[in-house]
Amino acid sequence: PPEALPRNLIQSETGLVPADIYGTTESSLGWHGQT
């Protein structure tokens, strides 16, 4: 499933970075919708 929260905006907007979750699709940000 495609990401609802765009990963390319996360660090610039919040100063945070997402965890690396391996085994998900390239279009997904999380696993079962979580990150």
PDB file of all heavy atoms in Angstrom:
ATOM      1  N   PRO A   1       0.826  -1.214   0.000  1.00  0.00           N
ATOM      2  CA  PRO A   1       0.000   0.000   0.000  1.00  0.00           C
ATOM      3  C   PRO A   1       0.862   1.265   0.000  1.00  0.00           C
ATOM      4  O   PRO A   1       1.958   1.241   0.556  1.00  0.00           O
ATOM      5  CB  PRO A   1      -0.772  -0.112   1.312  1.00  0.00           C
ATOM      6  CG  PRO A   1       0.166  -0.851   2.204  1.00  0.00           C
ATOM      7  CD  PRO A   1       0.958  -1.777   1.340  1.00  0.00           C
ATOM      8  N   PRO A   2       0.403   2.333  -0.624  1.00  0.00           N
ATOM      9  CA  PRO A   2       1.213   3.548  -0.679  1.00  0.00           C
ATOM     10  C   PRO A   2       1.185   4.318   0.640  1.00  0.00           C
ATOM     11  O   PRO A   2       0.246   4.197   1.426  1.00  0.00           O
ATOM     12  CB  PRO A   2       0.535   4.362  -1.792  1.00  0.00           C
ATOM     13  CG  PRO A   2      -0.887   3.896  -1.771  1.00  0.00           C
ATOM     14  CD  PRO A   2      -0.855   2.440  -1.370  1.00  0.00           C
ATOM     15  N   GLU A   3       2.231   5.090   0.859  1.00  0.00           N
ATOM     16  CA  GLU A   3       2.332   5.845   2.109  1.00  0.00           C
ATOM     17  C   GLU A   3       1.328   6.991   2.132  1.00  0.00           C
ATOM     18  O   GLU A   3       1.108   7.683   1.137  1.00  0.00           O
ATOM     19  CB  GLU A   3       3.752   6.391   2.267  1.00  0.00           C
ATOM     20  CG  GLU A   3       4.194   7.293   1.128  1.00  0.00           C
ATOM     21  CD  GLU A   3       5.692   7.559   1.122  1.00  0.00           C
ATOM     22  OE1 GLU A   3       6.453   6.678   1.530  1.00  0.00           O
ATOM     23  OE2 GLU A   3       6.081   8.666   0.697  1.00  0.00           O
ATOM     24  N   ALA A   4       0.691   7.177   3.281  1.00  0.00           N
ATOM     25  CA  ALA A   4      -0.195   8.321   3.496  1.00  0.00           C
ATOM     26  C   ALA A   4       0.585   9.503   4.056  1.00  0.00           C
ATOM     27  O   ALA A   4       0.216  10.656   3.849  1.00  0.00           O
ATOM     28  CB  ALA A   4      -1.328   7.937   4.443  1.00  0.00           C
ATOM     29  N   LEU A   5       1.662   9.211   4.799  1.00  0.00           N
ATOM     30  CA  LEU A   5       2.541  10.254   5.328  1.00  0.00           C
ATOM     31  C   LEU A   5       3.792  10.273   4.448  1.00  0.00           C
ATOM     32  O   LEU A   5       4.595   9.336   4.489  1.00  0.00           O
ATOM     33  CB  LEU A   5       2.922   9.948   6.775  1.00  0.00           C
ATOM     34  CG  LEU A   5       3.735  11.027   7.487  1.00  0.00           C
ATOM     35  CD1 LEU A   5       2.872  12.253   7.754  1.00  0.00           C
ATOM     36  CD2 LEU A   5       4.316  10.494   8.797  1.00  0.00           C
ATOM     37  N   PRO A   6       3.990  11.307   3.632  1.00  0.00           N
ATOM     38  CA  PRO A   6       5.114  11.323   2.694  1.00  0.00           C
ATOM     39  C   PRO A   6       6.459  11.360   3.424  1.00  0.00           C
ATOM     40  O   PRO A   6       6.739  12.280   4.174  1.00  0.00           O
ATOM     41  CB  PRO A   6       4.890  12.603   1.883  1.00  0.00           C
ATOM     42  CG  PRO A   6       3.453  12.946   2.092  1.00  0.00           C
ATOM     43  CD  PRO A   6       3.118  12.479   3.466  1.00  0.00           C
ATOM     44  N   ARG A   7       7.287  10.359   3.181  1.00  0.00           N
ATOM     45  CA  ARG A   7       8.553  10.278   3.903  1.00  0.00           C
ATOM     46  C   ARG A   7       9.499  11.410   3.550  1.00  0.00           C
ATOM     47  O   ARG A   7      10.342  11.786   4.360  1.00  0.00           O
ATOM     48  CB  ARG A   7       9.216   8.925   3.647  1.00  0.00           C
ATOM     49  CG  ARG A   7       9.868   8.752   2.297  1.00  0.00           C
ATOM     50  CD  ARG A   7      10.453   7.374   2.155  1.00  0.00           C
ATOM     51  NE  ARG A   7       9.413   6.361   2.041  1.00  0.00           N
ATOM     52  CZ  ARG A   7       9.570   5.110   2.458  1.00  0.00           C
ATOM     53  NH1 ARG A   7      10.698   4.735   2.998  1.00  0.00           N
ATOM     54  NH2 ARG A   7       8.597   4.238   2.312  1.00  0.00           N
ATOM     55  N   ASN A   8       9.358  11.970   2.342  1.00  0.00           N
ATOM     56  CA  ASN A   8      10.279  13.035   1.937  1.00  0.00           C
ATOM     57  C   ASN A   8      10.005  14.359   2.647  1.00  0.00           C
ATOM     58  O   ASN A   8      10.782  15.305   2.527  1.00  0.00           O
ATOM     59  CB  ASN A   8      10.241  13.237   0.425  1.00  0.00           C
ATOM     60  CG  ASN A   8       8.870  13.666  -0.083  1.00  0.00           C
ATOM     61  OD1 ASN A   8       7.871  13.503   0.604  1.00  0.00           O
ATOM     62  ND2 ASN A   8       8.836  14.205  -1.288  1.00  0.00           N
ATOM     63  N   LEU A   9       8.900  14.438   3.411  1.00  0.00           N
ATOM     64  CA  LEU A   9       8.596  15.660   4.151  1.00  0.00           C
ATOM     65  C   LEU A   9       8.897  15.535   5.643  1.00  0.00           C
ATOM     66  O   LEU A   9       8.900  16.540   6.358  1.00  0.00           O
ATOM     67  CB  LEU A   9       7.112  16.015   3.989  1.00  0.00           C
ATOM     68  CG  LEU A   9       6.618  16.377   2.591  1.00  0.00           C
ATOM     69  CD1 LEU A   9       5.111  16.642   2.627  1.00  0.00           C
ATOM     70  CD2 LEU A   9       7.357  17.592   2.057  1.00  0.00           C
ATOM     71  N   ILE A  10       9.143  14.323   6.117  1.00  0.00           N
ATOM     72  CA  ILE A  10       9.180  14.099   7.559  1.00  0.00           C
ATOM     73  C   ILE A  10      10.300  14.876   8.237  1.00  0.00           C
ATOM     74  O   ILE A  10      10.075  15.622   9.200  1.00  0.00           O
ATOM     75  CB  ILE A  10       9.305  12.589   7.860  1.00  0.00           C
ATOM     76  CG1 ILE A  10       8.020  11.867   7.449  1.00  0.00           C
ATOM     77  CG2 ILE A  10       9.589  12.365   9.350  1.00  0.00           C
ATOM     78  CD1 ILE A  10       8.107  10.362   7.547  1.00  0.00           C
ATOM     79  N   GLN A  11      11.528  14.739   7.764  1.00  0.00           N
ATOM     80  CA  GLN A  11      12.639  15.370   8.470  1.00  0.00           C
ATOM     81  C   GLN A  11      12.581  16.893   8.356  1.00  0.00           C
ATOM     82  O   GLN A  11      12.831  17.599   9.339  1.00  0.00           O
ATOM     83  CB  GLN A  11      13.983  14.853   7.964  1.00  0.00           C
ATOM     84  CG  GLN A  11      15.161  15.373   8.794  1.00  0.00           C
ATOM     85  CD  GLN A  11      16.446  14.626   8.526  1.00  0.00           C
ATOM     86  OE1 GLN A  11      16.535  13.834   7.580  1.00  0.00           O
ATOM     87  NE2 GLN A  11      17.463  14.859   9.345  1.00  0.00           N
ATOM     88  N   SER A  12      12.240  17.400   7.171  1.00  0.00           N
ATOM     89  CA  SER A  12      12.206  18.858   7.011  1.00  0.00           C
ATOM     90  C   SER A  12      11.102  19.496   7.842  1.00  0.00           C
ATOM     91  O   SER A  12      11.239  20.627   8.315  1.00  0.00           O
ATOM     92  CB  SER A  12      12.027  19.221   5.530  1.00  0.00           C
ATOM     93  OG  SER A  12      10.802  18.702   5.037  1.00  0.00           O
ATOM     94  N   GLU A  13       9.988  18.792   8.059  1.00  0.00           N
ATOM     95  CA  GLU A  13       8.864  19.350   8.791  1.00  0.00           C
ATOM     96  C   GLU A  13       8.929  19.102  10.291  1.00  0.00           C
ATOM     97  O   GLU A  13       8.353  19.859  11.069  1.00  0.00           O
ATOM     98  CB  GLU A  13       7.554  18.779   8.246  1.00  0.00           C
ATOM     99  CG  GLU A  13       7.224  19.194   6.817  1.00  0.00           C
ATOM    100  CD  GLU A  13       6.929  20.672   6.715  1.00  0.00           C
ATOM    101  OE1 GLU A  13       6.368  21.238   7.673  1.00  0.00           O
ATOM    102  OE2 GLU A  13       7.247  21.263   5.667  1.00  0.00           O
ATOM    103  N   THR A  14       9.615  18.027  10.716  1.00  0.00           N
ATOM    104  CA  THR A  14       9.587  17.661  12.137  1.00  0.00           C
ATOM    105  C   THR A  14      10.966  17.540  12.776  1.00  0.00           C
ATOM    106  O   THR A  14      11.069  17.503  14.008  1.00  0.00           O
ATOM    107  CB  THR A  14       8.869  16.310  12.333  1.00  0.00           C
ATOM    108  OG1 THR A  14       9.670  15.257  11.770  1.00  0.00           O
ATOM    109  CG2 THR A  14       7.503  16.315  11.675  1.00  0.00           C
ATOM    110  N   GLY A  15      12.032  17.415  11.987  1.00  0.00           N
ATOM    111  CA  GLY A  15      13.361  17.171  12.540  1.00  0.00           C
ATOM    112  C   GLY A  15      13.601  15.718  12.907  1.00  0.00           C
ATOM    113  O   GLY A  15      14.663  15.366  13.417  1.00  0.00           O
ATOM    114  N   LEU A  16      12.615  14.840  12.643  1.00  0.00           N
ATOM    115  CA  LEU A  16      12.716  13.424  12.961  1.00  0.00           C
ATOM    116  C   LEU A  16      12.960  12.613  11.691  1.00  0.00           C
ATOM    117  O   LEU A  16      12.728  13.097  10.579  1.00  0.00           O
ATOM    118  CB  LEU A  16      11.437  12.928  13.640  1.00  0.00           C
ATOM    119  CG  LEU A  16      10.968  13.697  14.873  1.00  0.00           C
ATOM    120  CD1 LEU A  16       9.623  13.162  15.344  1.00  0.00           C
ATOM    121  CD2 LEU A  16      11.996  13.628  15.986  1.00  0.00           C
ATOM    122  N   VAL A  17      13.390  11.374  11.864  1.00  0.00           N
ATOM    123  CA  VAL A  17      13.585  10.478  10.726  1.00  0.00           C
ATOM    124  C   VAL A  17      12.866   9.165  11.015  1.00  0.00           C
ATOM    125  O   VAL A  17      12.767   8.737  12.171  1.00  0.00           O
ATOM    126  CB  VAL A  17      15.083  10.212  10.451  1.00  0.00           C
ATOM    127  CG1 VAL A  17      15.776  11.498  10.032  1.00  0.00           C
ATOM    128  CG2 VAL A  17      15.775   9.601  11.661  1.00  0.00           C
ATOM    129  N   PRO A  18      12.355   8.494   9.967  1.00  0.00           N
ATOM    130  CA  PRO A  18      11.675   7.212  10.185  1.00  0.00           C
ATOM    131  C   PRO A  18      12.673   6.077  10.360  1.00  0.00           C
ATOM    132  O   PRO A  18      13.779   6.108   9.804  1.00  0.00           O
ATOM    133  CB  PRO A  18      10.846   7.035   8.909  1.00  0.00           C
ATOM    134  CG  PRO A  18      11.575   7.811   7.867  1.00  0.00           C
ATOM    135  CD  PRO A  18      12.229   8.968   8.584  1.00  0.00           C
ATOM    136  N   ALA A  19      12.281   5.088  11.136  1.00  0.00           N
ATOM    137  CA  ALA A  19      13.105   3.900  11.288  1.00  0.00           C
ATOM    138  C   ALA A  19      13.157   3.137   9.968  1.00  0.00           C
ATOM    139  O   ALA A  19      12.226   3.188   9.165  1.00  0.00           O
ATOM    140  CB  ALA A  19      12.532   3.010  12.388  1.00  0.00           C
ATOM    141  N   ASP A  20      14.264   2.447   9.735  1.00  0.00           N
ATOM    142  CA  ASP A  20      14.383   1.592   8.563  1.00  0.00           C
ATOM    143  C   ASP A  20      13.631   0.296   8.814  1.00  0.00           C
ATOM    144  O   ASP A  20      13.968  -0.468   9.727  1.00  0.00           O
ATOM    145  CB  ASP A  20      15.856   1.277   8.266  1.00  0.00           C
ATOM    146  CG  ASP A  20      16.610   2.502   7.773  1.00  0.00           C
ATOM    147  OD1 ASP A  20      16.011   3.315   7.051  1.00  0.00           O
ATOM    148  OD2 ASP A  20      17.801   2.645   8.130  1.00  0.00           O
ATOM    149  N   ILE A  21      12.590   0.070   8.035  1.00  0.00           N
ATOM    150  CA  ILE A  21      11.793  -1.151   8.160  1.00  0.00           C
ATOM    151  C   ILE A  21      12.021  -1.978   6.904  1.00  0.00           C
ATOM    152  O   ILE A  21      11.595  -1.589   5.812  1.00  0.00           O
ATOM    153  CB  ILE A  21      10.298  -0.848   8.343  1.00  0.00           C
ATOM    154  CG1 ILE A  21      10.076   0.026   9.587  1.00  0.00           C
ATOM    155  CG2 ILE A  21       9.500  -2.142   8.459  1.00  0.00           C
ATOM    156  CD1 ILE A  21       8.625   0.365   9.844  1.00  0.00           C
ATOM    157  N   TYR A  22      12.713  -3.086   7.038  1.00  0.00           N
ATOM    158  CA  TYR A  22      13.027  -3.921   5.891  1.00  0.00           C
ATOM    159  C   TYR A  22      11.893  -4.909   5.635  1.00  0.00           C
ATOM    160  O   TYR A  22      11.204  -5.350   6.548  1.00  0.00           O
ATOM    161  CB  TYR A  22      14.337  -4.674   6.127  1.00  0.00           C
ATOM    162  CG  TYR A  22      15.513  -3.749   6.308  1.00  0.00           C
ATOM    163  CD1 TYR A  22      16.029  -3.485   7.572  1.00  0.00           C
ATOM    164  CD2 TYR A  22      16.076  -3.112   5.209  1.00  0.00           C
ATOM    165  CE1 TYR A  22      17.096  -2.615   7.745  1.00  0.00           C
ATOM    166  CE2 TYR A  22      17.142  -2.245   5.371  1.00  0.00           C
ATOM    167  CZ  TYR A  22      17.653  -2.003   6.634  1.00  0.00           C
ATOM    168  OH  TYR A  22      18.709  -1.137   6.797  1.00  0.00           O
ATOM    169  N   GLY A  23      11.700  -5.240   4.363  1.00  0.00           N
ATOM    170  CA  GLY A  23      10.676  -6.208   4.010  1.00  0.00           C
ATOM    171  C   GLY A  23       9.356  -5.598   3.617  1.00  0.00           C
ATOM    172  O   GLY A  23       8.408  -6.323   3.333  1.00  0.00           O
ATOM    173  N   THR A  24       9.269  -4.260   3.620  1.00  0.00           N
ATOM    174  CA  THR A  24       8.053  -3.598   3.147  1.00  0.00           C
ATOM    175  C   THR A  24       8.264  -3.179   1.694  1.00  0.00           C
ATOM    176  O   THR A  24       9.367  -3.247   1.160  1.00  0.00           O
ATOM    177  CB  THR A  24       7.736  -2.358   3.997  1.00  0.00           C
ATOM    178  OG1 THR A  24       8.832  -1.434   3.895  1.00  0.00           O
ATOM    179  CG2 THR A  24       7.546  -2.731   5.451  1.00  0.00           C
ATOM    180  N   THR A  25       7.203  -2.731   1.033  1.00  0.00           N
ATOM    181  CA  THR A  25       7.329  -2.290  -0.343  1.00  0.00           C
ATOM    182  C   THR A  25       7.972  -0.901  -0.389  1.00  0.00           C
ATOM    183  O   THR A  25       7.968  -0.169   0.600  1.00  0.00           O
ATOM    184  CB  THR A  25       5.954  -2.233  -1.024  1.00  0.00           C
ATOM    185  OG1 THR A  25       5.160  -1.224  -0.395  1.00  0.00           O
ATOM    186  CG2 THR A  25       5.234  -3.571  -0.905  1.00  0.00           C
ATOM    187  N   GLU A  26       8.494  -0.555  -1.545  1.00  0.00           N
ATOM    188  CA  GLU A  26       9.156   0.748  -1.694  1.00  0.00           C
ATOM    189  C   GLU A  26       8.186   1.900  -1.512  1.00  0.00           C
ATOM    190  O   GLU A  26       8.579   2.994  -1.128  1.00  0.00           O
ATOM    191  CB  GLU A  26       9.828   0.833  -3.066  1.00  0.00           C
ATOM    192  CG  GLU A  26      11.026  -0.106  -3.229  1.00  0.00           C
ATOM    193  CD  GLU A  26      11.709   0.079  -4.563  1.00  0.00           C
ATOM    194  OE1 GLU A  26      11.244   0.938  -5.361  1.00  0.00           O
ATOM    195  OE2 GLU A  26      12.691  -0.627  -4.833  1.00  0.00           O
ATOM    196  N   SER A  27       6.910   1.661  -1.796  1.00  0.00           N
ATOM    197  CA  SER A  27       5.920   2.740  -1.694  1.00  0.00           C
ATOM    198  C   SER A  27       5.347   2.884  -0.297  1.00  0.00           C
ATOM    199  O   SER A  27       4.630   3.837  -0.017  1.00  0.00           O
ATOM    200  CB  SER A  27       4.779   2.498  -2.693  1.00  0.00           C
ATOM    201  OG  SER A  27       4.110   1.297  -2.373  1.00  0.00           O
ATOM    202  N   SER A  28       5.640   1.931   0.602  1.00  0.00           N
ATOM    203  CA  SER A  28       5.085   1.967   1.954  1.00  0.00           C
ATOM    204  C   SER A  28       6.067   2.602   2.918  1.00  0.00           C
ATOM    205  O   SER A  28       7.277   2.403   2.808  1.00  0.00           O
ATOM    206  CB  SER A  28       4.748   0.548   2.432  1.00  0.00           C
ATOM    207  OG  SER A  28       3.799  -0.055   1.574  1.00  0.00           O
ATOM    208  N   LEU A  29       5.525   3.330   3.881  1.00  0.00           N
ATOM    209  CA  LEU A  29       6.359   3.907   4.932  1.00  0.00           C
ATOM    210  C   LEU A  29       6.507   2.954   6.108  1.00  0.00           C
ATOM    211  O   LEU A  29       7.562   2.876   6.732  1.00  0.00           O
ATOM    212  CB  LEU A  29       5.758   5.235   5.404  1.00  0.00           C
ATOM    213  CG  LEU A  29       6.484   5.958   6.540  1.00  0.00           C
ATOM    214  CD1 LEU A  29       7.902   6.348   6.124  1.00  0.00           C
ATOM    215  CD2 LEU A  29       5.701   7.193   6.971  1.00  0.00           C
ATOM    216  N   GLY A  30       5.452   2.215   6.431  1.00  0.00           N
ATOM    217  CA  GLY A  30       5.457   1.383   7.630  1.00  0.00           C
ATOM    218  C   GLY A  30       5.194  -0.077   7.353  1.00  0.00           C
ATOM    219  O   GLY A  30       5.134  -0.516   6.195  1.00  0.00           O
ATOM    220  N   TRP A  31       5.013  -0.828   8.421  1.00  0.00           N
ATOM    221  CA  TRP A  31       4.661  -2.245   8.353  1.00  0.00           C
ATOM    222  C   TRP A  31       3.339  -2.422   9.071  1.00  0.00           C
ATOM    223  O   TRP A  31       3.212  -2.031  10.232  1.00  0.00           O
ATOM    224  CB  TRP A  31       5.750  -3.094   9.008  1.00  0.00           C
ATOM    225  CG  TRP A  31       5.552  -4.561   8.820  1.00  0.00           C
ATOM    226  CD1 TRP A  31       5.538  -5.233   7.626  1.00  0.00           C
ATOM    227  CD2 TRP A  31       5.332  -5.539   9.834  1.00  0.00           C
ATOM    228  NE1 TRP A  31       5.331  -6.574   7.853  1.00  0.00           N
ATOM    229  CE2 TRP A  31       5.192  -6.794   9.194  1.00  0.00           C
ATOM    230  CE3 TRP A  31       5.243  -5.475  11.232  1.00  0.00           C
ATOM    231  CZ2 TRP A  31       4.970  -7.964   9.891  1.00  0.00           C
ATOM    232  CZ3 TRP A  31       5.023  -6.646  11.930  1.00  0.00           C
ATOM    233  CH2 TRP A  31       4.889  -7.877  11.259  1.00  0.00           C
ATOM    234  N   HIS A  32       2.343  -2.970   8.352  1.00  0.00           N
ATOM    235  CA  HIS A  32       0.967  -2.987   8.861  1.00  0.00           C
ATOM    236  C   HIS A  32       0.541  -1.574   9.270  1.00  0.00           C
ATOM    237  O   HIS A  32      -0.159  -1.390  10.270  1.00  0.00           O
ATOM    238  CB  HIS A  32       0.821  -3.951  10.028  1.00  0.00           C
ATOM    239  CG  HIS A  32       0.856  -5.394   9.627  1.00  0.00           C
ATOM    240  ND1 HIS A  32      -0.185  -6.011   8.974  1.00  0.00           N
ATOM    241  CD2 HIS A  32       1.812  -6.339   9.779  1.00  0.00           C
ATOM    242  CE1 HIS A  32       0.119  -7.284   8.740  1.00  0.00           C
ATOM    243  NE2 HIS A  32       1.324  -7.508   9.214  1.00  0.00           N
ATOM    244  N   GLY A  33       1.013  -0.594   8.493  1.00  0.00           N
ATOM    245  CA  GLY A  33       0.611   0.791   8.738  1.00  0.00           C
ATOM    246  C   GLY A  33       1.320   1.487   9.875  1.00  0.00           C
ATOM    247  O   GLY A  33       0.919   2.579  10.271  1.00  0.00           O
ATOM    248  N   GLN A  34       2.388   0.884  10.400  1.00  0.00           N
ATOM    249  CA  GLN A  34       3.062   1.460  11.564  1.00  0.00           C
ATOM    250  C   GLN A  34       4.527   1.770  11.276  1.00  0.00           C
ATOM    251  O   GLN A  34       5.184   1.044  10.536  1.00  0.00           O
ATOM    252  CB  GLN A  34       3.008   0.482  12.739  1.00  0.00           C
ATOM    253  CG  GLN A  34       1.615   0.168  13.199  1.00  0.00           C
ATOM    254  CD  GLN A  34       1.649  -0.874  14.290  1.00  0.00           C
ATOM    255  OE1 GLN A  34       1.852  -0.549  15.458  1.00  0.00           O
ATOM    256  NE2 GLN A  34       1.478  -2.121  13.928  1.00  0.00           N
ATOM    257  N   THR A  35       4.994   2.829  11.889  1.00  0.00           N
ATOM    258  CA  THR A  35       6.416   3.136  11.857  1.00  0.00           C
ATOM    259  C   THR A  35       6.768   3.898  13.129  1.00  0.00           C
ATOM    260  O   THR A  35       5.900   4.237  13.932  1.00  0.00           O
ATOM    261  CB  THR A  35       6.798   3.949  10.613  1.00  0.00           C
ATOM    262  OG1 THR A  35       8.220   3.949  10.457  1.00  0.00           O
ATOM    263  CG2 THR A  35       6.315   5.401  10.704  1.00  0.00           C
TER     264      THR A  35
END
